[in-house]
Amino acid sequence: NERLHWLTGFTGSAGAAVVTQDRAAIFVDGR
């Protein structure tokens, strides 16, 4: 179920990504 990791390579325990047709952003906390 590590879907965010599959898409982005990020291995942290909290985060999210938004993908549009021409931009993408990844969101993580201070850790």
PDB file of all heavy atoms in Angstrom:
ATOM      1  N   ASN A   1       0.803  -1.221   0.000  1.00  0.00           N
ATOM      2  CA  ASN A   1       0.000   0.000   0.000  1.00  0.00           C
ATOM      3  C   ASN A   1       0.841   1.279   0.000  1.00  0.00           C
ATOM      4  O   ASN A   1       0.300   2.373   0.183  1.00  0.00           O
ATOM      5  CB  ASN A   1      -0.946   0.009   1.198  1.00  0.00           C
ATOM      6  CG  ASN A   1      -2.117  -0.928   1.019  1.00  0.00           C
ATOM      7  OD1 ASN A   1      -2.397  -1.385  -0.095  1.00  0.00           O
ATOM      8  ND2 ASN A   1      -2.816  -1.234   2.101  1.00  0.00           N
ATOM      9  N   GLU A   2       2.142   1.156  -0.236  1.00  0.00           N
ATOM     10  CA  GLU A   2       3.022   2.327  -0.231  1.00  0.00           C
ATOM     11  C   GLU A   2       2.927   3.062  -1.572  1.00  0.00           C
ATOM     12  O   GLU A   2       3.884   3.141  -2.356  1.00  0.00           O
ATOM     13  CB  GLU A   2       4.470   1.911   0.053  1.00  0.00           C
ATOM     14  CG  GLU A   2       4.740   1.555   1.500  1.00  0.00           C
ATOM     15  CD  GLU A   2       4.950   2.779   2.385  1.00  0.00           C
ATOM     16  OE1 GLU A   2       4.759   3.920   1.891  1.00  0.00           O
ATOM     17  OE2 GLU A   2       5.293   2.612   3.563  1.00  0.00           O
ATOM     18  N   ARG A   3       1.767   3.647  -1.809  1.00  0.00           N
ATOM     19  CA  ARG A   3       1.501   4.263  -3.106  1.00  0.00           C
ATOM     20  C   ARG A   3       2.306   5.545  -3.322  1.00  0.00           C
ATOM     21  O   ARG A   3       2.802   5.802  -4.416  1.00  0.00           O
ATOM     22  CB  ARG A   3       0.002   4.543  -3.234  1.00  0.00           C
ATOM     23  CG  ARG A   3      -0.851   3.271  -3.202  1.00  0.00           C
ATOM     24  CD  ARG A   3      -2.342   3.588  -3.209  1.00  0.00           C
ATOM     25  NE  ARG A   3      -3.155   2.379  -3.228  1.00  0.00           N
ATOM     26  CZ  ARG A   3      -3.589   1.738  -2.153  1.00  0.00           C
ATOM     27  NH1 ARG A   3      -3.284   2.190  -0.943  1.00  0.00           N
ATOM     28  NH2 ARG A   3      -4.331   0.654  -2.267  1.00  0.00           N
ATOM     29  N   LEU A   4       2.425   6.377  -2.275  1.00  0.00           N
ATOM     30  CA  LEU A   4       3.194   7.618  -2.410  1.00  0.00           C
ATOM     31  C   LEU A   4       4.662   7.309  -2.683  1.00  0.00           C
ATOM     32  O   LEU A   4       5.310   7.980  -3.497  1.00  0.00           O
ATOM     33  CB  LEU A   4       3.051   8.469  -1.143  1.00  0.00           C
ATOM     34  CG  LEU A   4       3.745   9.827  -1.171  1.00  0.00           C
ATOM     35  CD1 LEU A   4       3.136  10.731  -2.239  1.00  0.00           C
ATOM     36  CD2 LEU A   4       3.676  10.508   0.188  1.00  0.00           C
ATOM     37  N   HIS A   5       5.199   6.303  -2.014  1.00  0.00           N
ATOM     38  CA  HIS A   5       6.577   5.892  -2.253  1.00  0.00           C
ATOM     39  C   HIS A   5       6.757   5.429  -3.690  1.00  0.00           C
ATOM     40  O   HIS A   5       7.748   5.775  -4.355  1.00  0.00           O
ATOM     41  CB  HIS A   5       6.965   4.768  -1.284  1.00  0.00           C
ATOM     42  CG  HIS A   5       8.332   4.205  -1.529  1.00  0.00           C
ATOM     43  ND1 HIS A   5       8.598   2.856  -1.524  1.00  0.00           N
ATOM     44  CD2 HIS A   5       9.509   4.809  -1.819  1.00  0.00           C
ATOM     45  CE1 HIS A   5       9.880   2.660  -1.792  1.00  0.00           C
ATOM     46  NE2 HIS A   5      10.447   3.826  -1.971  1.00  0.00           N
ATOM     47  N   TRP A   6       5.818   4.629  -4.196  1.00  0.00           N
ATOM     48  CA  TRP A   6       5.929   4.146  -5.579  1.00  0.00           C
ATOM     49  C   TRP A   6       6.008   5.309  -6.557  1.00  0.00           C
ATOM     50  O   TRP A   6       6.834   5.312  -7.479  1.00  0.00           O
ATOM     51  CB  TRP A   6       4.722   3.263  -5.924  1.00  0.00           C
ATOM     52  CG  TRP A   6       4.752   2.778  -7.347  1.00  0.00           C
ATOM     53  CD1 TRP A   6       5.390   1.684  -7.842  1.00  0.00           C
ATOM     54  CD2 TRP A   6       4.124   3.415  -8.480  1.00  0.00           C
ATOM     55  NE1 TRP A   6       5.204   1.588  -9.201  1.00  0.00           N
ATOM     56  CE2 TRP A   6       4.429   2.642  -9.626  1.00  0.00           C
ATOM     57  CE3 TRP A   6       3.336   4.557  -8.640  1.00  0.00           C
ATOM     58  CZ2 TRP A   6       3.977   2.970 -10.907  1.00  0.00           C
ATOM     59  CZ3 TRP A   6       2.882   4.893  -9.914  1.00  0.00           C
ATOM     60  CH2 TRP A   6       3.192   4.105 -11.018  1.00  0.00           C
ATOM     61  N   LEU A   7       5.187   6.325  -6.335  1.00  0.00           N
ATOM     62  CA  LEU A   7       5.132   7.445  -7.273  1.00  0.00           C
ATOM     63  C   LEU A   7       6.326   8.371  -7.165  1.00  0.00           C
ATOM     64  O   LEU A   7       6.893   8.788  -8.180  1.00  0.00           O
ATOM     65  CB  LEU A   7       3.842   8.247  -7.043  1.00  0.00           C
ATOM     66  CG  LEU A   7       3.658   9.490  -7.915  1.00  0.00           C
ATOM     67  CD1 LEU A   7       3.480   9.094  -9.382  1.00  0.00           C
ATOM     68  CD2 LEU A   7       2.479  10.317  -7.419  1.00  0.00           C
ATOM     69  N   THR A   8       6.743   8.689  -5.932  1.00  0.00           N
ATOM     70  CA  THR A   8       7.717   9.779  -5.729  1.00  0.00           C
ATOM     71  C   THR A   8       9.097   9.326  -5.276  1.00  0.00           C
ATOM     72  O   THR A   8      10.061  10.074  -5.414  1.00  0.00           O
ATOM     73  CB  THR A   8       7.184  10.766  -4.678  1.00  0.00           C
ATOM     74  OG1 THR A   8       7.130  10.103  -3.403  1.00  0.00           O
ATOM     75  CG2 THR A   8       5.798  11.271  -5.052  1.00  0.00           C
ATOM     76  N   GLY A   9       9.189   8.146  -4.638  1.00  0.00           N
ATOM     77  CA  GLY A   9      10.445   7.723  -4.027  1.00  0.00           C
ATOM     78  C   GLY A   9      10.571   8.128  -2.578  1.00  0.00           C
ATOM     79  O   GLY A   9      11.518   7.735  -1.890  1.00  0.00           O
ATOM     80  N   PHE A  10       9.611   8.892  -2.050  1.00  0.00           N
ATOM     81  CA  PHE A  10       9.666   9.355  -0.662  1.00  0.00           C
ATOM     82  C   PHE A  10       9.274   8.222   0.282  1.00  0.00           C
ATOM     83  O   PHE A  10       8.254   7.562   0.082  1.00  0.00           O
ATOM     84  CB  PHE A  10       8.718  10.540  -0.474  1.00  0.00           C
ATOM     85  CG  PHE A  10       8.627  11.048   0.935  1.00  0.00           C
ATOM     86  CD1 PHE A  10       9.735  11.595   1.567  1.00  0.00           C
ATOM     87  CD2 PHE A  10       7.432  10.982   1.632  1.00  0.00           C
ATOM     88  CE1 PHE A  10       9.646  12.071   2.871  1.00  0.00           C
ATOM     89  CE2 PHE A  10       7.330  11.449   2.931  1.00  0.00           C
ATOM     90  CZ  PHE A  10       8.442  11.998   3.553  1.00  0.00           C
ATOM     91  N   THR A  11      10.090   8.010   1.324  1.00  0.00           N
ATOM     92  CA  THR A  11       9.877   6.877   2.235  1.00  0.00           C
ATOM     93  C   THR A  11       9.388   7.283   3.618  1.00  0.00           C
ATOM     94  O   THR A  11       9.261   6.436   4.499  1.00  0.00           O
ATOM     95  CB  THR A  11      11.183   6.080   2.407  1.00  0.00           C
ATOM     96  OG1 THR A  11      12.182   6.939   2.956  1.00  0.00           O
ATOM     97  CG2 THR A  11      11.653   5.492   1.086  1.00  0.00           C
ATOM     98  N   GLY A  12       9.109   8.556   3.841  1.00  0.00           N
ATOM     99  CA  GLY A  12       8.664   8.999   5.156  1.00  0.00           C
ATOM    100  C   GLY A  12       7.286   8.476   5.504  1.00  0.00           C
ATOM    101  O   GLY A  12       6.553   7.959   4.652  1.00  0.00           O
ATOM    102  N   SER A  13       6.924   8.632   6.784  1.00  0.00           N
ATOM    103  CA  SER A  13       5.656   8.081   7.281  1.00  0.00           C
ATOM    104  C   SER A  13       4.503   9.061   7.182  1.00  0.00           C
ATOM    105  O   SER A  13       3.379   8.721   7.555  1.00  0.00           O
ATOM    106  CB  SER A  13       5.824   7.625   8.735  1.00  0.00           C
ATOM    107  OG  SER A  13       6.110   8.733   9.572  1.00  0.00           O
ATOM    108  N   ALA A  14       4.740  10.268   6.701  1.00  0.00           N
ATOM    109  CA  ALA A  14       3.666  11.248   6.542  1.00  0.00           C
ATOM    110  C   ALA A  14       3.975  12.121   5.334  1.00  0.00           C
ATOM    111  O   ALA A  14       5.102  12.586   5.166  1.00  0.00           O
ATOM    112  CB  ALA A  14       3.524  12.106   7.796  1.00  0.00           C
ATOM    113  N   GLY A  15       2.967  12.334   4.514  1.00  0.00           N
ATOM    114  CA  GLY A  15       3.182  13.171   3.341  1.00  0.00           C
ATOM    115  C   GLY A  15       2.064  13.004   2.334  1.00  0.00           C
ATOM    116  O   GLY A  15       1.121  12.234   2.528  1.00  0.00           O
ATOM    117  N   ALA A  16       2.161  13.750   1.241  1.00  0.00           N
ATOM    118  CA  ALA A  16       1.180  13.675   0.155  1.00  0.00           C
ATOM    119  C   ALA A  16       1.793  14.307  -1.073  1.00  0.00           C
ATOM    120  O   ALA A  16       2.785  15.044  -0.990  1.00  0.00           O
ATOM    121  CB  ALA A  16      -0.113  14.400   0.539  1.00  0.00           C
ATOM    122  N   ALA A  17       1.193  14.015  -2.222  1.00  0.00           N
ATOM    123  CA  ALA A  17       1.613  14.635  -3.479  1.00  0.00           C
ATOM    124  C   ALA A  17       0.380  15.122  -4.222  1.00  0.00           C
ATOM    125  O   ALA A  17      -0.698  14.531  -4.122  1.00  0.00           O
ATOM    126  CB  ALA A  17       2.401  13.652  -4.335  1.00  0.00           C
ATOM    127  N   VAL A  18       0.545  16.198  -4.942  1.00  0.00           N
ATOM    128  CA  VAL A  18      -0.468  16.665  -5.887  1.00  0.00           C
ATOM    129  C   VAL A  18       0.178  16.703  -7.258  1.00  0.00           C
ATOM    130  O   VAL A  18       1.272  17.262  -7.422  1.00  0.00           O
ATOM    131  CB  VAL A  18      -1.006  18.064  -5.513  1.00  0.00           C
ATOM    132  CG1 VAL A  18      -1.964  18.558  -6.600  1.00  0.00           C
ATOM    133  CG2 VAL A  18      -1.704  18.041  -4.169  1.00  0.00           C
ATOM    134  N   VAL A  19      -0.475  16.104  -8.225  1.00  0.00           N
ATOM    135  CA  VAL A  19       0.039  16.084  -9.593  1.00  0.00           C
ATOM    136  C   VAL A  19      -0.997  16.728 -10.507  1.00  0.00           C
ATOM    137  O   VAL A  19      -2.189  16.391 -10.447  1.00  0.00           O
ATOM    138  CB  VAL A  19       0.334  14.642 -10.059  1.00  0.00           C
ATOM    139  CG1 VAL A  19       0.810  14.636 -11.517  1.00  0.00           C
ATOM    140  CG2 VAL A  19       1.377  13.987  -9.163  1.00  0.00           C
ATOM    141  N   THR A  20      -0.559  17.684 -11.322  1.00  0.00           N
ATOM    142  CA  THR A  20      -1.396  18.260 -12.374  1.00  0.00           C
ATOM    143  C   THR A  20      -0.743  17.894 -13.709  1.00  0.00           C
ATOM    144  O   THR A  20       0.267  17.179 -13.738  1.00  0.00           O
ATOM    145  CB  THR A  20      -1.499  19.787 -12.240  1.00  0.00           C
ATOM    146  OG1 THR A  20      -0.251  20.381 -12.605  1.00  0.00           O
ATOM    147  CG2 THR A  20      -1.849  20.189 -10.815  1.00  0.00           C
ATOM    148  N   GLN A  21      -1.284  18.405 -14.800  1.00  0.00           N
ATOM    149  CA  GLN A  21      -0.713  18.064 -16.100  1.00  0.00           C
ATOM    150  C   GLN A  21       0.638  18.728 -16.348  1.00  0.00           C
ATOM    151  O   GLN A  21       1.433  18.239 -17.149  1.00  0.00           O
ATOM    152  CB  GLN A  21      -1.687  18.438 -17.222  1.00  0.00           C
ATOM    153  CG  GLN A  21      -2.870  17.500 -17.342  1.00  0.00           C
ATOM    154  CD  GLN A  21      -2.457  16.057 -17.663  1.00  0.00           C
ATOM    155  OE1 GLN A  21      -1.359  15.787 -18.159  1.00  0.00           O
ATOM    156  NE2 GLN A  21      -3.341  15.111 -17.354  1.00  0.00           N
ATOM    157  N   ASP A  22       0.935  19.806 -15.644  1.00  0.00           N
ATOM    158  CA  ASP A  22       2.220  20.473 -15.901  1.00  0.00           C
ATOM    159  C   ASP A  22       3.031  20.775 -14.638  1.00  0.00           C
ATOM    160  O   ASP A  22       4.125  21.316 -14.721  1.00  0.00           O
ATOM    161  CB  ASP A  22       1.996  21.770 -16.684  1.00  0.00           C
ATOM    162  CG  ASP A  22       1.034  22.729 -15.984  1.00  0.00           C
ATOM    163  OD1 ASP A  22       0.576  22.409 -14.869  1.00  0.00           O
ATOM    164  OD2 ASP A  22       0.758  23.793 -16.559  1.00  0.00           O
ATOM    165  N   ARG A  23       2.490  20.423 -13.467  1.00  0.00           N
ATOM    166  CA  ARG A  23       3.225  20.669 -12.226  1.00  0.00           C
ATOM    167  C   ARG A  23       2.994  19.517 -11.259  1.00  0.00           C
ATOM    168  O   ARG A  23       2.052  18.732 -11.422  1.00  0.00           O
ATOM    169  CB  ARG A  23       2.762  21.979 -11.568  1.00  0.00           C
ATOM    170  CG  ARG A  23       3.073  23.225 -12.366  1.00  0.00           C
ATOM    171  CD  ARG A  23       2.503  24.455 -11.709  1.00  0.00           C
ATOM    172  NE  ARG A  23       3.152  24.795 -10.443  1.00  0.00           N
ATOM    173  CZ  ARG A  23       2.773  25.796  -9.666  1.00  0.00           C
ATOM    174  NH1 ARG A  23       1.739  26.566 -10.023  1.00  0.00           N
ATOM    175  NH2 ARG A  23       3.403  26.057  -8.547  1.00  0.00           N
ATOM    176  N   ALA A  24       3.870  19.429 -10.262  1.00  0.00           N
ATOM    177  CA  ALA A  24       3.691  18.439  -9.198  1.00  0.00           C
ATOM    178  C   ALA A  24       4.319  19.001  -7.931  1.00  0.00           C
ATOM    179  O   ALA A  24       5.316  19.732  -7.985  1.00  0.00           O
ATOM    180  CB  ALA A  24       4.329  17.110  -9.559  1.00  0.00           C
ATOM    181  N   ALA A  25       3.726  18.661  -6.811  1.00  0.00           N
ATOM    182  CA  ALA A  25       4.246  19.130  -5.518  1.00  0.00           C
ATOM    183  C   ALA A  25       4.179  17.984  -4.521  1.00  0.00           C
ATOM    184  O   ALA A  25       3.265  17.154  -4.567  1.00  0.00           O
ATOM    185  CB  ALA A  25       3.441  20.317  -5.009  1.00  0.00           C
ATOM    186  N   ILE A  26       5.175  17.929  -3.623  1.00  0.00           N
ATOM    187  CA  ILE A  26       5.155  16.943  -2.543  1.00  0.00           C
ATOM    188  C   ILE A  26       5.161  17.699  -1.223  1.00  0.00           C
ATOM    189  O   ILE A  26       5.853  18.716  -1.068  1.00  0.00           O
ATOM    190  CB  ILE A  26       6.325  15.951  -2.641  1.00  0.00           C
ATOM    191  CG1 ILE A  26       6.167  14.859  -1.571  1.00  0.00           C
ATOM    192  CG2 ILE A  26       7.680  16.635  -2.564  1.00  0.00           C
ATOM    193  CD1 ILE A  26       6.972  13.614  -1.836  1.00  0.00           C
ATOM    194  N   PHE A  27       4.379  17.198  -0.275  1.00  0.00           N
ATOM    195  CA  PHE A  27       4.143  17.882   0.995  1.00  0.00           C
ATOM    196  C   PHE A  27       4.627  16.995   2.133  1.00  0.00           C
ATOM    197  O   PHE A  27       4.198  15.842   2.254  1.00  0.00           O
ATOM    198  CB  PHE A  27       2.646  18.153   1.160  1.00  0.00           C
ATOM    199  CG  PHE A  27       2.045  18.944   0.033  1.00  0.00           C
ATOM    200  CD1 PHE A  27       1.732  18.327  -1.175  1.00  0.00           C
ATOM    201  CD2 PHE A  27       1.805  20.298   0.173  1.00  0.00           C
ATOM    202  CE1 PHE A  27       1.180  19.050  -2.223  1.00  0.00           C
ATOM    203  CE2 PHE A  27       1.250  21.030  -0.875  1.00  0.00           C
ATOM    204  CZ  PHE A  27       0.944  20.404  -2.076  1.00  0.00           C
ATOM    205  N   VAL A  28       5.530  17.521   2.971  1.00  0.00           N
ATOM    206  CA  VAL A  28       6.030  16.782   4.130  1.00  0.00           C
ATOM    207  C   VAL A  28       6.082  17.723   5.320  1.00  0.00           C
ATOM    208  O   VAL A  28       6.098  18.942   5.164  1.00  0.00           O
ATOM    209  CB  VAL A  28       7.438  16.181   3.870  1.00  0.00           C
ATOM    210  CG1 VAL A  28       7.405  15.221   2.697  1.00  0.00           C
ATOM    211  CG2 VAL A  28       8.482  17.268   3.639  1.00  0.00           C
ATOM    212  N   ASP A  29       6.119  17.141   6.530  1.00  0.00           N
ATOM    213  CA  ASP A  29       6.207  17.974   7.724  1.00  0.00           C
ATOM    214  C   ASP A  29       7.667  18.196   8.112  1.00  0.00           C
ATOM    215  O   ASP A  29       8.584  17.789   7.400  1.00  0.00           O
ATOM    216  CB  ASP A  29       5.382  17.387   8.876  1.00  0.00           C
ATOM    217  CG  ASP A  29       5.882  16.019   9.340  1.00  0.00           C
ATOM    218  OD1 ASP A  29       7.077  15.723   9.174  1.00  0.00           O
ATOM    219  OD2 ASP A  29       5.070  15.252   9.894  1.00  0.00           O
ATOM    220  N   GLY A  30       7.862  18.838   9.277  1.00  0.00           N
ATOM    221  CA  GLY A  30       9.208  19.254   9.680  1.00  0.00           C
ATOM    222  C   GLY A  30      10.190  18.128   9.873  1.00  0.00           C
ATOM    223  O   GLY A  30      11.410  18.341   9.799  1.00  0.00           O
ATOM    224  N   ARG A  31       9.708  16.905  10.097  1.00  0.00           N
ATOM    225  CA  ARG A  31      10.605  15.775  10.291  1.00  0.00           C
ATOM    226  C   ARG A  31      11.349  15.403   9.009  1.00  0.00           C
ATOM    227  O   ARG A  31      12.402  14.780   9.052  1.00  0.00           O
ATOM    228  CB  ARG A  31       9.819  14.552  10.777  1.00  0.00           C
ATOM    229  CG  ARG A  31       9.173  14.700  12.130  1.00  0.00           C
ATOM    230  CD  ARG A  31       8.255  13.532  12.423  1.00  0.00           C
ATOM    231  NE  ARG A  31       7.122  13.464  11.520  1.00  0.00           N
ATOM    232  CZ  ARG A  31       6.257  12.457  11.477  1.00  0.00           C
ATOM    233  NH1 ARG A  31       6.412  11.416  12.268  1.00  0.00           N
ATOM    234  NH2 ARG A  31       5.243  12.486  10.639  1.00  0.00           N
TER     235      ARG A  31
END
